[in-house]
Amino acid sequence: MTCPFCAGAGGELVWQDAWARVVLAQEAGYPGFCRVIWQAHVKEMSDLAADERRHLMDVVFAVETVLRRLIKPAKINLASLGNQVPHLHWHVIPRFLDDPHYPMAVWAPPLRPAPVRLPPAPRALRQALEDILQSS
C-alpha cells in the first residue's frame, strides 16, 4: 500500500518546515479543516524524539490558535487516529453549531446538511502560522 501522505501533500499545502507541514483538507462541510502531517513516515507519537514531539504539538496548537482567530468556530477538535493512514498526522477541525455533525464527531452520520461557509484564505492562514511559529 502506498502512503498518501508520502506520495503527496495530503491537501492544499499552507505551511511547512523540515519536520512538519500544514494542509487545508478538502472536507465537505468543514471549511478550515487542517491536517498537520509529520514529514517523515512514522506511525506513532512515541516514534519521535522529545524535541520532535514538542515541535509537532507546537504546530498543532498554532493551527488551532490561527483558526480560532480567523474563522471563530464554536469549538476546535483535535484528533490523531491514523487507522486508515498510518502516517503520523493530526486533524485540526473547526466546529460550528450548525455543521453537519455537531455535536457529534465529524465521522458520525450527519445530522443536517452542511451550511455554506468559506474557508480561511490560505495566504492569511500561512502568514498567521509563520507569525506564531517564528516567535516560538
N, C-alpha and C. Protein backbone atom coordinates (compact mmCIF):
# COMPACT_ATOMS: atom_id res chain seq x y z
N MET A 1 0.84 -1.19 0.00
CA MET A 1 0.00 0.00 0.00
C MET A 1 0.88 1.25 0.00
N THR A 2 0.59 2.17 -0.89
CA THR A 2 1.30 3.44 -0.95
C THR A 2 0.70 4.40 0.06
N CYS A 3 1.55 5.07 0.81
CA CYS A 3 1.09 6.05 1.79
C CYS A 3 0.72 7.34 1.07
N PRO A 4 -0.53 7.80 1.22
CA PRO A 4 -0.92 9.03 0.53
C PRO A 4 -0.19 10.27 1.05
N PHE A 5 0.28 10.25 2.29
CA PHE A 5 0.99 11.41 2.83
C PHE A 5 2.47 11.40 2.46
N CYS A 6 2.98 10.25 2.03
CA CYS A 6 4.34 10.20 1.47
C CYS A 6 4.30 10.49 -0.03
N ALA A 7 3.20 10.10 -0.69
CA ALA A 7 3.07 10.26 -2.14
C ALA A 7 2.64 11.68 -2.53
N GLY A 8 2.01 12.42 -1.61
CA GLY A 8 1.52 13.76 -1.93
C GLY A 8 1.38 14.59 -0.68
N ALA A 9 0.96 15.83 -0.88
CA ALA A 9 0.87 16.78 0.24
C ALA A 9 -0.20 16.38 1.26
N GLY A 10 -1.30 15.76 0.81
CA GLY A 10 -2.39 15.42 1.72
C GLY A 10 -3.44 16.50 1.84
N GLY A 11 -3.40 17.46 0.94
CA GLY A 11 -4.32 18.60 0.95
C GLY A 11 -3.60 19.79 0.33
N GLU A 12 -4.21 20.95 0.44
CA GLU A 12 -3.59 22.17 -0.10
C GLU A 12 -2.52 22.65 0.87
N LEU A 13 -1.28 22.62 0.44
CA LEU A 13 -0.17 22.99 1.30
C LEU A 13 -0.27 24.45 1.70
N VAL A 14 -0.22 24.68 3.01
CA VAL A 14 -0.30 26.03 3.56
C VAL A 14 1.03 26.47 4.16
N TRP A 15 1.69 25.56 4.86
CA TRP A 15 2.93 25.88 5.57
C TRP A 15 3.72 24.60 5.74
N GLN A 16 5.05 24.71 5.76
CA GLN A 16 5.87 23.55 6.07
C GLN A 16 7.25 23.97 6.54
N ASP A 17 7.88 23.07 7.27
CA ASP A 17 9.29 23.20 7.60
C ASP A 17 9.90 21.82 7.39
N ALA A 18 11.09 21.61 7.91
CA ALA A 18 11.77 20.33 7.69
C ALA A 18 11.07 19.17 8.37
N TRP A 19 10.28 19.43 9.42
CA TRP A 19 9.69 18.34 10.21
C TRP A 19 8.20 18.13 9.96
N ALA A 20 7.47 19.18 9.64
CA ALA A 20 6.00 19.04 9.55
C ALA A 20 5.46 19.95 8.46
N ARG A 21 4.23 19.64 8.04
CA ARG A 21 3.54 20.51 7.10
C ARG A 21 2.09 20.65 7.54
N VAL A 22 1.49 21.75 7.13
CA VAL A 22 0.08 22.03 7.40
C VAL A 22 -0.62 22.12 6.06
N VAL A 23 -1.73 21.38 5.95
CA VAL A 23 -2.51 21.41 4.71
C VAL A 23 -3.96 21.70 5.06
N LEU A 24 -4.63 22.37 4.14
CA LEU A 24 -6.08 22.50 4.22
C LEU A 24 -6.66 21.25 3.58
N ALA A 25 -7.43 20.51 4.34
CA ALA A 25 -8.08 19.31 3.81
C ALA A 25 -9.37 19.73 3.14
N GLN A 26 -9.70 19.13 2.06
CA GLN A 26 -10.94 19.45 1.37
C GLN A 26 -12.04 18.53 1.90
N GLU A 27 -12.53 18.83 3.10
CA GLU A 27 -13.58 18.04 3.74
C GLU A 27 -14.89 18.80 3.62
N ALA A 28 -15.82 18.26 2.86
CA ALA A 28 -17.11 18.92 2.62
C ALA A 28 -17.79 19.26 3.94
N GLY A 29 -18.24 20.48 4.06
CA GLY A 29 -18.95 20.92 5.26
C GLY A 29 -18.03 21.39 6.37
N TYR A 30 -16.71 21.31 6.15
CA TYR A 30 -15.75 21.67 7.19
C TYR A 30 -14.67 22.61 6.67
N PRO A 31 -15.04 23.85 6.33
CA PRO A 31 -14.03 24.80 5.88
C PRO A 31 -13.03 25.08 7.01
N GLY A 32 -11.77 25.08 6.66
CA GLY A 32 -10.73 25.31 7.66
C GLY A 32 -10.20 24.03 8.28
N PHE A 33 -10.75 22.88 7.91
CA PHE A 33 -10.27 21.59 8.41
C PHE A 33 -8.82 21.44 7.94
N CYS A 34 -7.90 21.35 8.88
CA CYS A 34 -6.48 21.24 8.55
C CYS A 34 -5.92 19.91 9.03
N ARG A 35 -4.86 19.51 8.38
CA ARG A 35 -4.05 18.38 8.85
C ARG A 35 -2.64 18.90 9.10
N VAL A 36 -2.07 18.47 10.21
CA VAL A 36 -0.67 18.71 10.48
C VAL A 36 0.00 17.35 10.29
N ILE A 37 0.86 17.25 9.29
CA ILE A 37 1.43 15.97 8.88
C ILE A 37 2.93 15.97 9.13
N TRP A 38 3.41 14.94 9.81
CA TRP A 38 4.84 14.78 10.02
C TRP A 38 5.47 14.45 8.67
N GLN A 39 6.60 15.08 8.34
CA GLN A 39 7.20 14.90 7.03
C GLN A 39 7.70 13.47 6.79
N ALA A 40 8.32 12.87 7.79
CA ALA A 40 8.84 11.50 7.63
C ALA A 40 7.74 10.50 7.93
N HIS A 41 7.84 9.34 7.33
CA HIS A 41 6.82 8.30 7.56
C HIS A 41 7.09 7.57 8.88
N VAL A 42 6.38 7.99 9.90
CA VAL A 42 6.36 7.30 11.19
C VAL A 42 4.90 7.10 11.57
N LYS A 43 4.64 6.12 12.43
CA LYS A 43 3.26 5.79 12.76
C LYS A 43 2.75 6.42 14.06
N GLU A 44 3.62 6.57 15.04
CA GLU A 44 3.15 6.96 16.37
C GLU A 44 3.94 8.15 16.93
N MET A 45 3.32 8.89 17.82
CA MET A 45 3.99 10.00 18.50
C MET A 45 5.24 9.50 19.23
N SER A 46 5.16 8.31 19.79
CA SER A 46 6.30 7.78 20.55
C SER A 46 7.47 7.37 19.64
N ASP A 47 7.28 7.41 18.32
CA ASP A 47 8.38 7.19 17.39
C ASP A 47 9.28 8.42 17.28
N LEU A 48 8.80 9.55 17.79
CA LEU A 48 9.54 10.81 17.70
C LEU A 48 10.37 11.04 18.96
N ALA A 49 11.46 11.77 18.79
CA ALA A 49 12.24 12.23 19.94
C ALA A 49 11.45 13.33 20.65
N ALA A 50 11.81 13.62 21.87
CA ALA A 50 11.08 14.60 22.68
C ALA A 50 11.00 15.97 22.00
N ASP A 51 12.10 16.44 21.41
CA ASP A 51 12.07 17.74 20.75
C ASP A 51 11.20 17.73 19.50
N GLU A 52 11.13 16.60 18.82
CA GLU A 52 10.25 16.46 17.65
C GLU A 52 8.79 16.47 18.08
N ARG A 53 8.47 15.78 19.16
CA ARG A 53 7.09 15.78 19.66
C ARG A 53 6.66 17.19 20.05
N ARG A 54 7.55 17.91 20.74
CA ARG A 54 7.23 19.29 21.13
C ARG A 54 6.98 20.15 19.90
N HIS A 55 7.83 20.01 18.91
CA HIS A 55 7.67 20.80 17.69
C HIS A 55 6.34 20.49 17.00
N LEU A 56 6.01 19.21 16.88
CA LEU A 56 4.76 18.83 16.24
C LEU A 56 3.58 19.43 16.98
N MET A 57 3.58 19.33 18.30
CA MET A 57 2.46 19.87 19.06
C MET A 57 2.43 21.40 19.02
N ASP A 58 3.60 22.04 18.94
CA ASP A 58 3.62 23.50 18.75
C ASP A 58 2.91 23.88 17.46
N VAL A 59 3.12 23.10 16.41
CA VAL A 59 2.47 23.37 15.13
C VAL A 59 0.96 23.12 15.26
N VAL A 60 0.56 22.02 15.88
CA VAL A 60 -0.87 21.73 16.07
C VAL A 60 -1.54 22.87 16.84
N PHE A 61 -0.93 23.32 17.92
CA PHE A 61 -1.52 24.39 18.73
C PHE A 61 -1.53 25.72 17.98
N ALA A 62 -0.53 25.95 17.14
CA ALA A 62 -0.51 27.17 16.33
C ALA A 62 -1.67 27.16 15.33
N VAL A 63 -1.91 26.00 14.70
CA VAL A 63 -3.03 25.90 13.75
C VAL A 63 -4.34 26.14 14.48
N GLU A 64 -4.51 25.54 15.65
CA GLU A 64 -5.73 25.77 16.43
C GLU A 64 -5.92 27.25 16.73
N THR A 65 -4.87 27.92 17.18
CA THR A 65 -4.93 29.33 17.53
C THR A 65 -5.32 30.18 16.33
N VAL A 66 -4.68 29.91 15.20
CA VAL A 66 -4.94 30.69 13.99
C VAL A 66 -6.37 30.49 13.50
N LEU A 67 -6.84 29.25 13.50
CA LEU A 67 -8.22 29.00 13.06
C LEU A 67 -9.22 29.69 13.98
N ARG A 68 -8.96 29.68 15.27
CA ARG A 68 -9.87 30.38 16.21
C ARG A 68 -9.93 31.86 15.88
N ARG A 69 -8.79 32.44 15.56
CA ARG A 69 -8.76 33.88 15.24
C ARG A 69 -9.42 34.19 13.91
N LEU A 70 -9.13 33.37 12.90
CA LEU A 70 -9.59 33.70 11.54
C LEU A 70 -11.05 33.39 11.29
N ILE A 71 -11.55 32.27 11.80
CA ILE A 71 -12.93 31.88 11.44
C ILE A 71 -13.87 31.74 12.63
N LYS A 72 -13.36 31.90 13.82
CA LYS A 72 -14.17 31.95 15.05
C LYS A 72 -15.18 30.80 15.19
N PRO A 73 -14.70 29.57 15.20
CA PRO A 73 -15.61 28.43 15.38
C PRO A 73 -16.11 28.35 16.82
N ALA A 74 -17.15 27.58 17.02
CA ALA A 74 -17.66 27.34 18.38
C ALA A 74 -16.70 26.46 19.17
N LYS A 75 -15.97 25.60 18.48
CA LYS A 75 -15.07 24.62 19.11
C LYS A 75 -14.05 24.18 18.08
N ILE A 76 -12.91 23.71 18.57
CA ILE A 76 -11.91 23.07 17.71
C ILE A 76 -11.74 21.64 18.21
N ASN A 77 -11.79 20.68 17.31
CA ASN A 77 -11.50 19.29 17.64
C ASN A 77 -10.09 18.96 17.18
N LEU A 78 -9.34 18.28 18.03
CA LEU A 78 -8.02 17.77 17.69
C LEU A 78 -8.09 16.26 17.72
N ALA A 79 -7.57 15.62 16.68
CA ALA A 79 -7.61 14.15 16.63
C ALA A 79 -6.38 13.62 15.92
N SER A 80 -5.83 12.55 16.47
CA SER A 80 -4.74 11.83 15.82
C SER A 80 -5.12 10.37 15.85
N LEU A 81 -5.56 9.85 14.73
CA LEU A 81 -6.05 8.47 14.68
C LEU A 81 -5.09 7.58 13.92
N GLY A 82 -4.98 7.76 12.63
CA GLY A 82 -4.04 7.01 11.82
C GLY A 82 -4.41 5.57 11.56
N ASN A 83 -5.66 5.20 11.77
CA ASN A 83 -6.07 3.82 11.50
C ASN A 83 -6.12 3.54 10.00
N GLN A 84 -6.60 4.49 9.23
CA GLN A 84 -6.69 4.29 7.78
C GLN A 84 -5.41 4.71 7.07
N VAL A 85 -4.75 5.74 7.58
CA VAL A 85 -3.48 6.20 7.03
C VAL A 85 -2.46 6.20 8.17
N PRO A 86 -1.68 5.13 8.32
CA PRO A 86 -0.75 5.03 9.44
C PRO A 86 0.53 5.85 9.24
N HIS A 87 0.34 7.12 9.01
CA HIS A 87 1.42 8.10 8.89
C HIS A 87 1.05 9.20 9.88
N LEU A 88 1.94 9.53 10.79
CA LEU A 88 1.63 10.45 11.88
C LEU A 88 1.08 11.78 11.36
N HIS A 89 -0.14 12.08 11.78
CA HIS A 89 -0.77 13.35 11.43
C HIS A 89 -1.85 13.67 12.45
N TRP A 90 -2.14 14.95 12.58
CA TRP A 90 -3.18 15.44 13.47
C TRP A 90 -4.23 16.16 12.63
N HIS A 91 -5.49 15.95 12.98
CA HIS A 91 -6.59 16.69 12.39
C HIS A 91 -6.89 17.87 13.31
N VAL A 92 -7.03 19.05 12.74
CA VAL A 92 -7.43 20.24 13.48
C VAL A 92 -8.72 20.71 12.81
N ILE A 93 -9.83 20.51 13.51
CA ILE A 93 -11.14 20.62 12.88
C ILE A 93 -11.99 21.72 13.53
N PRO A 94 -12.20 22.83 12.83
CA PRO A 94 -13.11 23.85 13.36
C PRO A 94 -14.54 23.31 13.35
N ARG A 95 -15.22 23.52 14.45
CA ARG A 95 -16.61 23.05 14.58
C ARG A 95 -17.54 24.24 14.80
N PHE A 96 -18.69 24.16 14.16
CA PHE A 96 -19.72 25.20 14.28
C PHE A 96 -21.01 24.53 14.73
N LEU A 97 -21.84 25.27 15.43
CA LEU A 97 -23.08 24.71 15.96
C LEU A 97 -23.99 24.16 14.87
N ASP A 98 -23.85 24.68 13.64
CA ASP A 98 -24.71 24.23 12.54
C ASP A 98 -23.97 23.33 11.55
N ASP A 99 -22.77 22.84 11.91
CA ASP A 99 -22.09 21.96 10.96
C ASP A 99 -22.82 20.63 10.86
N PRO A 100 -22.55 19.83 9.84
CA PRO A 100 -23.36 18.64 9.57
C PRO A 100 -23.43 17.62 10.71
N HIS A 101 -22.45 17.60 11.60
CA HIS A 101 -22.40 16.56 12.63
C HIS A 101 -22.47 17.07 14.06
N TYR A 102 -22.42 18.38 14.26
CA TYR A 102 -22.35 18.92 15.62
C TYR A 102 -23.58 18.53 16.43
N PRO A 103 -23.42 18.04 17.63
CA PRO A 103 -22.24 17.99 18.49
C PRO A 103 -21.48 16.65 18.41
N MET A 104 -21.82 15.81 17.47
CA MET A 104 -21.17 14.51 17.33
C MET A 104 -19.83 14.66 16.59
N ALA A 105 -19.05 13.59 16.54
CA ALA A 105 -17.79 13.60 15.81
C ALA A 105 -18.03 13.79 14.33
N VAL A 106 -17.06 14.35 13.64
CA VAL A 106 -17.22 14.60 12.21
C VAL A 106 -17.34 13.32 11.41
N TRP A 107 -16.96 12.18 11.99
CA TRP A 107 -17.03 10.91 11.28
C TRP A 107 -18.33 10.16 11.58
N ALA A 108 -19.21 10.74 12.41
CA ALA A 108 -20.52 10.15 12.71
C ALA A 108 -21.46 10.41 11.54
N PRO A 109 -22.61 9.74 11.52
CA PRO A 109 -23.59 10.07 10.48
C PRO A 109 -24.03 11.53 10.60
N PRO A 110 -24.21 12.22 9.46
CA PRO A 110 -24.60 13.63 9.52
C PRO A 110 -25.99 13.80 10.10
N LEU A 111 -26.16 14.93 10.77
CA LEU A 111 -27.44 15.28 11.39
C LEU A 111 -28.22 16.30 10.57
N ARG A 112 -27.53 17.01 9.69
CA ARG A 112 -28.14 18.08 8.91
C ARG A 112 -27.27 18.37 7.69
N PRO A 113 -27.81 19.07 6.70
CA PRO A 113 -26.97 19.46 5.55
C PRO A 113 -25.90 20.47 5.98
N ALA A 114 -24.84 20.52 5.23
CA ALA A 114 -23.75 21.46 5.51
C ALA A 114 -24.16 22.87 5.09
N PRO A 115 -23.96 23.85 5.96
CA PRO A 115 -24.20 25.24 5.56
C PRO A 115 -23.07 25.72 4.66
N VAL A 116 -23.31 26.78 3.95
CA VAL A 116 -22.27 27.38 3.12
C VAL A 116 -21.42 28.26 4.02
N ARG A 117 -20.14 27.95 4.07
CA ARG A 117 -19.21 28.72 4.90
C ARG A 117 -17.86 28.70 4.17
N LEU A 118 -17.24 29.86 4.06
CA LEU A 118 -15.96 29.94 3.35
C LEU A 118 -14.81 29.53 4.24
N PRO A 119 -13.82 28.84 3.67
CA PRO A 119 -12.62 28.51 4.44
C PRO A 119 -11.75 29.74 4.62
N PRO A 120 -10.82 29.69 5.54
CA PRO A 120 -9.89 30.81 5.65
C PRO A 120 -9.02 30.88 4.39
N ALA A 121 -8.62 32.07 4.04
CA ALA A 121 -7.75 32.24 2.89
C ALA A 121 -6.40 31.59 3.19
N PRO A 122 -5.91 30.73 2.31
CA PRO A 122 -4.62 30.07 2.56
C PRO A 122 -3.49 31.05 2.87
N ARG A 123 -3.47 32.17 2.18
CA ARG A 123 -2.40 33.17 2.42
C ARG A 123 -2.50 33.73 3.84
N ALA A 124 -3.71 34.02 4.31
CA ALA A 124 -3.88 34.53 5.68
C ALA A 124 -3.50 33.47 6.70
N LEU A 125 -3.88 32.24 6.44
CA LEU A 125 -3.53 31.13 7.32
C LEU A 125 -2.01 30.96 7.38
N ARG A 126 -1.36 30.98 6.22
CA ARG A 126 0.09 30.83 6.16
C ARG A 126 0.79 31.94 6.94
N GLN A 127 0.39 33.18 6.72
CA GLN A 127 1.04 34.31 7.38
C GLN A 127 0.86 34.25 8.88
N ALA A 128 -0.34 33.92 9.33
CA ALA A 128 -0.59 33.84 10.77
C ALA A 128 0.22 32.70 11.40
N LEU A 129 0.33 31.58 10.70
CA LEU A 129 1.15 30.47 11.21
C LEU A 129 2.62 30.87 11.29
N GLU A 130 3.12 31.53 10.26
CA GLU A 130 4.51 31.97 10.28
C GLU A 130 4.76 32.92 11.44
N ASP A 131 3.83 33.83 11.68
CA ASP A 131 3.98 34.78 12.78
C ASP A 131 4.09 34.07 14.12
N ILE A 132 3.20 33.10 14.35
CA ILE A 132 3.20 32.38 15.63
C ILE A 132 4.42 31.47 15.75
N LEU A 133 4.71 30.72 14.71
CA LEU A 133 5.77 29.72 14.81
C LEU A 133 7.17 30.34 14.82
N GLN A 134 7.34 31.50 14.25
CA GLN A 134 8.64 32.16 14.29
C GLN A 134 8.93 32.71 15.69
N SER A 135 7.88 33.03 16.43
CA SER A 135 8.07 33.59 17.77
C SER A 135 8.26 32.51 18.83
N SER A 136 8.00 31.23 18.47
CA SER A 136 8.13 30.17 19.49
C SER A 136 9.49 29.53 19.47
